[in-house]
Amino acid sequence: MSLERVEQTVKDLKDKLIEHEGKIEKAEDRISMVEDTTVRHQRALRYLLHRKMSLAAKNGHYDRKGTAFTNVKAVRLNSPPRSIIVRFLDAGVKDAIIRQAWSQGQIHFQER
């Protein structure tokens, strides 16, 4: 009787293992699909940004460094800094942008 019980337990464990392996495989497929979609979105974004910059250059919109831009007005060097409000959806992106702005000295907070 004890041997039958052990065999049944082993069978149940094998069934659960197969079930979990199936779930893992489905999850890996979903992750792969999301990664593929992300890569496609990044390519599309790169293309659109390149196209926008090309159109801006074609229309003669340049900044002082000769880089094309659109919908951006030049700011006088002696003018006070502008305030902007930005909403970030990803904390990692926010931290990276703030670090970069602090390192370039382009961000001021409470007169610092």
N, C-alpha and C. Protein backbone atom coordinates (compact mmCIF):
# COMPACT_ATOMS: atom_id res chain seq x y z
N MET A 1 0.82 -1.18 0.00
CA MET A 1 0.00 0.00 0.00
C MET A 1 0.87 1.26 0.00
N SER A 2 1.90 1.27 0.71
CA SER A 2 2.80 2.40 0.78
C SER A 2 3.48 2.63 -0.57
N LEU A 3 3.84 1.57 -1.26
CA LEU A 3 4.49 1.69 -2.56
C LEU A 3 3.52 2.32 -3.59
N GLU A 4 2.26 1.94 -3.54
CA GLU A 4 1.27 2.52 -4.44
C GLU A 4 1.11 4.01 -4.18
N ARG A 5 1.17 4.36 -2.94
CA ARG A 5 1.04 5.77 -2.58
C ARG A 5 2.23 6.58 -3.09
N VAL A 6 3.42 6.04 -2.97
CA VAL A 6 4.63 6.70 -3.47
C VAL A 6 4.54 6.84 -4.99
N GLU A 7 4.10 5.78 -5.67
CA GLU A 7 3.97 5.82 -7.12
C GLU A 7 2.95 6.88 -7.54
N GLN A 8 1.86 6.97 -6.83
CA GLN A 8 0.84 7.98 -7.14
C GLN A 8 1.38 9.39 -6.92
N THR A 9 2.15 9.58 -5.87
CA THR A 9 2.75 10.89 -5.59
C THR A 9 3.73 11.27 -6.69
N VAL A 10 4.55 10.30 -7.13
CA VAL A 10 5.50 10.56 -8.21
C VAL A 10 4.75 10.92 -9.49
N LYS A 11 3.68 10.19 -9.78
CA LYS A 11 2.87 10.48 -10.97
C LYS A 11 2.28 11.88 -10.88
N ASP A 12 1.74 12.25 -9.73
CA ASP A 12 1.17 13.59 -9.55
C ASP A 12 2.23 14.67 -9.73
N LEU A 13 3.43 14.43 -9.20
CA LEU A 13 4.52 15.39 -9.34
C LEU A 13 4.94 15.54 -10.80
N LYS A 14 4.99 14.43 -11.53
CA LYS A 14 5.33 14.49 -12.95
C LYS A 14 4.28 15.29 -13.72
N ASP A 15 3.00 15.06 -13.40
CA ASP A 15 1.94 15.80 -14.07
C ASP A 15 2.05 17.30 -13.79
N LYS A 16 2.32 17.65 -12.55
CA LYS A 16 2.47 19.07 -12.20
C LYS A 16 3.70 19.67 -12.88
N LEU A 17 4.77 18.89 -12.96
CA LEU A 17 5.98 19.36 -13.62
C LEU A 17 5.71 19.65 -15.10
N ILE A 18 4.99 18.74 -15.76
CA ILE A 18 4.65 18.94 -17.17
C ILE A 18 3.77 20.18 -17.32
N GLU A 19 2.83 20.34 -16.41
CA GLU A 19 1.95 21.51 -16.45
C GLU A 19 2.75 22.80 -16.30
N HIS A 20 3.69 22.83 -15.35
CA HIS A 20 4.51 24.02 -15.11
C HIS A 20 5.45 24.28 -16.28
N GLU A 21 5.99 23.22 -16.88
CA GLU A 21 6.85 23.41 -18.04
C GLU A 21 6.06 24.05 -19.19
N GLY A 22 4.81 23.66 -19.35
CA GLY A 22 3.96 24.27 -20.37
C GLY A 22 3.73 25.75 -20.09
N LYS A 23 3.47 26.07 -18.83
CA LYS A 23 3.26 27.47 -18.46
C LYS A 23 4.53 28.29 -18.71
N ILE A 24 5.68 27.71 -18.37
CA ILE A 24 6.95 28.41 -18.59
C ILE A 24 7.18 28.65 -20.07
N GLU A 25 6.88 27.65 -20.88
CA GLU A 25 7.06 27.79 -22.32
C GLU A 25 6.16 28.90 -22.88
N LYS A 26 4.91 28.95 -22.43
CA LYS A 26 4.01 30.01 -22.88
C LYS A 26 4.50 31.38 -22.44
N ALA A 27 5.00 31.46 -21.21
CA ALA A 27 5.52 32.74 -20.71
C ALA A 27 6.74 33.18 -21.52
N GLU A 28 7.63 32.24 -21.84
CA GLU A 28 8.81 32.57 -22.64
C GLU A 28 8.40 33.04 -24.04
N ASP A 29 7.35 32.42 -24.60
CA ASP A 29 6.86 32.86 -25.90
C ASP A 29 6.33 34.28 -25.83
N ARG A 30 5.58 34.59 -24.76
CA ARG A 30 5.05 35.95 -24.60
C ARG A 30 6.19 36.96 -24.44
N ILE A 31 7.19 36.60 -23.66
CA ILE A 31 8.34 37.50 -23.45
C ILE A 31 9.06 37.74 -24.77
N SER A 32 9.25 36.68 -25.54
CA SER A 32 9.91 36.80 -26.83
C SER A 32 9.11 37.70 -27.76
N MET A 33 7.79 37.55 -27.74
CA MET A 33 6.93 38.38 -28.57
C MET A 33 7.04 39.86 -28.17
N VAL A 34 7.07 40.12 -26.87
CA VAL A 34 7.19 41.51 -26.39
C VAL A 34 8.55 42.08 -26.78
N GLU A 35 9.61 41.28 -26.66
CA GLU A 35 10.93 41.76 -27.06
C GLU A 35 10.97 42.08 -28.54
N ASP A 36 10.36 41.22 -29.37
CA ASP A 36 10.32 41.47 -30.80
C ASP A 36 9.55 42.76 -31.11
N THR A 37 8.44 42.95 -30.42
CA THR A 37 7.64 44.16 -30.61
C THR A 37 8.44 45.40 -30.21
N THR A 38 9.18 45.29 -29.12
CA THR A 38 10.01 46.41 -28.66
C THR A 38 11.05 46.77 -29.71
N VAL A 39 11.68 45.77 -30.28
CA VAL A 39 12.69 46.02 -31.31
C VAL A 39 12.05 46.70 -32.52
N ARG A 40 10.87 46.23 -32.92
CA ARG A 40 10.18 46.86 -34.05
C ARG A 40 9.81 48.31 -33.74
N HIS A 41 9.36 48.56 -32.51
CA HIS A 41 9.02 49.93 -32.12
C HIS A 41 10.25 50.82 -32.12
N GLN A 42 11.37 50.29 -31.64
CA GLN A 42 12.60 51.09 -31.62
C GLN A 42 13.04 51.43 -33.04
N ARG A 43 12.94 50.47 -33.94
CA ARG A 43 13.31 50.73 -35.34
C ARG A 43 12.39 51.80 -35.95
N ALA A 44 11.10 51.67 -35.69
CA ALA A 44 10.14 52.64 -36.23
C ALA A 44 10.41 54.03 -35.67
N LEU A 45 10.70 54.11 -34.38
CA LEU A 45 11.00 55.39 -33.75
C LEU A 45 12.26 56.01 -34.34
N ARG A 46 13.30 55.17 -34.52
CA ARG A 46 14.54 55.66 -35.12
C ARG A 46 14.27 56.21 -36.52
N TYR A 47 13.48 55.46 -37.29
CA TYR A 47 13.15 55.91 -38.65
C TYR A 47 12.39 57.24 -38.62
N LEU A 48 11.39 57.35 -37.74
CA LEU A 48 10.60 58.58 -37.68
C LEU A 48 11.43 59.77 -37.23
N LEU A 49 12.32 59.56 -36.25
CA LEU A 49 13.19 60.65 -35.81
C LEU A 49 14.13 61.07 -36.92
N HIS A 50 14.69 60.09 -37.63
CA HIS A 50 15.59 60.40 -38.74
C HIS A 50 14.84 61.16 -39.83
N ARG A 51 13.61 60.72 -40.11
CA ARG A 51 12.81 61.39 -41.13
C ARG A 51 12.47 62.83 -40.71
N LYS A 52 12.11 63.01 -39.45
CA LYS A 52 11.80 64.35 -38.96
C LYS A 52 13.01 65.27 -39.07
N MET A 53 14.18 64.75 -38.68
CA MET A 53 15.39 65.55 -38.76
C MET A 53 15.73 65.86 -40.22
N SER A 54 15.53 64.90 -41.11
CA SER A 54 15.79 65.13 -42.53
C SER A 54 14.87 66.20 -43.09
N LEU A 55 13.60 66.14 -42.73
CA LEU A 55 12.65 67.15 -43.20
C LEU A 55 12.99 68.52 -42.63
N ALA A 56 13.40 68.55 -41.37
CA ALA A 56 13.78 69.83 -40.76
C ALA A 56 15.00 70.41 -41.47
N ALA A 57 15.96 69.55 -41.78
CA ALA A 57 17.16 70.01 -42.48
C ALA A 57 16.80 70.49 -43.88
N LYS A 58 15.90 69.77 -44.52
CA LYS A 58 15.48 70.14 -45.88
C LYS A 58 14.79 71.50 -45.89
N ASN A 59 14.05 71.80 -44.84
CA ASN A 59 13.34 73.07 -44.75
C ASN A 59 14.18 74.19 -44.16
N GLY A 60 15.43 73.89 -43.78
CA GLY A 60 16.34 74.92 -43.30
C GLY A 60 16.21 75.26 -41.83
N HIS A 61 15.67 74.39 -41.04
CA HIS A 61 15.56 74.63 -39.59
C HIS A 61 16.80 74.04 -38.90
N TYR A 62 17.68 74.90 -38.42
CA TYR A 62 18.91 74.45 -37.77
C TYR A 62 19.09 75.21 -36.46
N ASP A 63 19.81 74.60 -35.53
CA ASP A 63 20.19 75.32 -34.31
C ASP A 63 21.59 75.89 -34.51
N ARG A 64 22.16 76.45 -33.47
CA ARG A 64 23.47 77.11 -33.59
C ARG A 64 24.59 76.15 -33.93
N LYS A 65 24.44 74.89 -33.57
CA LYS A 65 25.48 73.91 -33.86
C LYS A 65 25.31 73.29 -35.25
N GLY A 66 24.28 73.70 -35.97
CA GLY A 66 24.05 73.17 -37.30
C GLY A 66 23.20 71.92 -37.30
N THR A 67 22.62 71.59 -36.14
CA THR A 67 21.77 70.42 -36.05
C THR A 67 20.34 70.83 -36.39
N ALA A 68 19.69 70.02 -37.18
CA ALA A 68 18.32 70.34 -37.58
C ALA A 68 17.38 70.21 -36.39
N PHE A 69 16.35 71.07 -36.34
CA PHE A 69 15.35 70.97 -35.30
C PHE A 69 14.04 71.55 -35.81
N THR A 70 12.96 71.21 -35.15
CA THR A 70 11.66 71.78 -35.49
C THR A 70 10.97 72.22 -34.22
N ASN A 71 10.15 73.26 -34.34
CA ASN A 71 9.34 73.76 -33.24
C ASN A 71 10.16 74.13 -32.00
N VAL A 72 11.37 74.59 -32.19
CA VAL A 72 12.22 74.99 -31.07
C VAL A 72 12.70 76.41 -31.36
N LYS A 73 12.54 77.29 -30.40
CA LYS A 73 12.99 78.67 -30.57
C LYS A 73 14.32 78.84 -29.84
N ALA A 74 15.19 79.65 -30.43
CA ALA A 74 16.47 79.91 -29.80
C ALA A 74 16.26 80.72 -28.53
N VAL A 75 17.04 80.44 -27.50
CA VAL A 75 16.94 81.15 -26.23
C VAL A 75 18.18 82.02 -26.09
N ARG A 76 17.98 83.25 -25.70
CA ARG A 76 19.12 84.15 -25.51
C ARG A 76 19.97 83.65 -24.35
N LEU A 77 21.26 83.90 -24.43
CA LEU A 77 22.18 83.41 -23.41
C LEU A 77 21.93 84.06 -22.06
N ASN A 78 21.51 85.32 -22.02
CA ASN A 78 21.33 86.02 -20.75
C ASN A 78 19.91 85.90 -20.20
N SER A 79 19.04 85.19 -20.89
CA SER A 79 17.66 85.09 -20.41
C SER A 79 17.57 84.12 -19.23
N PRO A 80 16.61 84.32 -18.35
CA PRO A 80 16.47 83.41 -17.21
C PRO A 80 16.08 82.01 -17.69
N PRO A 81 16.40 81.00 -16.90
CA PRO A 81 16.06 79.64 -17.31
C PRO A 81 14.55 79.45 -17.39
N ARG A 82 14.14 78.61 -18.32
CA ARG A 82 12.72 78.30 -18.47
C ARG A 82 12.36 77.13 -17.57
N SER A 83 11.14 77.16 -17.10
CA SER A 83 10.65 76.05 -16.30
C SER A 83 9.84 75.12 -17.19
N ILE A 84 10.05 73.85 -17.01
CA ILE A 84 9.25 72.87 -17.74
C ILE A 84 8.77 71.81 -16.76
N ILE A 85 7.64 71.24 -17.09
CA ILE A 85 7.10 70.14 -16.29
C ILE A 85 7.07 68.92 -17.18
N VAL A 86 7.64 67.83 -16.69
CA VAL A 86 7.73 66.62 -17.48
C VAL A 86 7.17 65.46 -16.66
N ARG A 87 6.36 64.63 -17.30
CA ARG A 87 5.85 63.42 -16.65
C ARG A 87 6.57 62.22 -17.26
N PHE A 88 7.21 61.44 -16.41
CA PHE A 88 7.93 60.25 -16.86
C PHE A 88 7.11 59.02 -16.53
N LEU A 89 7.09 58.07 -17.45
CA LEU A 89 6.40 56.82 -17.21
C LEU A 89 7.35 55.75 -16.66
N ASP A 90 8.66 55.99 -16.83
CA ASP A 90 9.65 55.01 -16.39
C ASP A 90 10.65 55.72 -15.48
N ALA A 91 10.78 55.24 -14.26
CA ALA A 91 11.67 55.89 -13.28
C ALA A 91 13.12 55.82 -13.73
N GLY A 92 13.51 54.76 -14.39
CA GLY A 92 14.89 54.62 -14.86
C GLY A 92 15.25 55.68 -15.89
N VAL A 93 14.32 55.95 -16.79
CA VAL A 93 14.53 57.00 -17.80
C VAL A 93 14.63 58.36 -17.12
N LYS A 94 13.75 58.60 -16.16
CA LYS A 94 13.76 59.88 -15.43
C LYS A 94 15.11 60.09 -14.75
N ASP A 95 15.59 59.06 -14.06
CA ASP A 95 16.88 59.17 -13.36
C ASP A 95 18.02 59.45 -14.33
N ALA A 96 18.02 58.77 -15.47
CA ALA A 96 19.09 58.96 -16.46
C ALA A 96 19.06 60.39 -17.01
N ILE A 97 17.89 60.90 -17.30
CA ILE A 97 17.78 62.26 -17.85
C ILE A 97 18.19 63.29 -16.81
N ILE A 98 17.76 63.11 -15.58
CA ILE A 98 18.13 64.07 -14.53
C ILE A 98 19.64 64.04 -14.28
N ARG A 99 20.22 62.83 -14.25
CA ARG A 99 21.69 62.73 -14.07
C ARG A 99 22.41 63.46 -15.19
N GLN A 100 21.97 63.27 -16.43
CA GLN A 100 22.61 63.93 -17.57
C GLN A 100 22.45 65.45 -17.48
N ALA A 101 21.27 65.90 -17.12
CA ALA A 101 21.04 67.35 -17.01
C ALA A 101 21.90 67.96 -15.90
N TRP A 102 21.99 67.28 -14.75
CA TRP A 102 22.83 67.78 -13.65
C TRP A 102 24.28 67.85 -14.11
N SER A 103 24.75 66.82 -14.82
CA SER A 103 26.16 66.80 -15.24
C SER A 103 26.47 67.91 -16.23
N GLN A 104 25.46 68.33 -17.02
CA GLN A 104 25.67 69.41 -17.99
C GLN A 104 25.38 70.78 -17.39
N GLY A 105 24.92 70.81 -16.14
CA GLY A 105 24.64 72.08 -15.49
C GLY A 105 23.41 72.77 -16.04
N GLN A 106 22.49 72.01 -16.61
CA GLN A 106 21.32 72.60 -17.23
C GLN A 106 20.08 72.52 -16.35
N ILE A 107 20.24 72.08 -15.15
CA ILE A 107 19.07 71.92 -14.28
C ILE A 107 19.31 72.72 -13.00
N HIS A 108 18.29 73.42 -12.57
CA HIS A 108 18.37 74.20 -11.34
C HIS A 108 17.20 73.81 -10.45
N PHE A 109 17.49 73.62 -9.20
CA PHE A 109 16.44 73.26 -8.25
C PHE A 109 16.65 74.06 -6.99
N GLN A 110 15.68 74.87 -6.61
CA GLN A 110 15.74 75.72 -5.43
C GLN A 110 17.02 76.58 -5.44
N GLU A 111 17.20 77.28 -6.55
CA GLU A 111 18.31 78.22 -6.74
C GLU A 111 19.69 77.57 -6.68
N ARG A 112 19.78 76.25 -6.90
CA ARG A 112 21.09 75.59 -6.93
C ARG A 112 21.44 75.25 -8.36
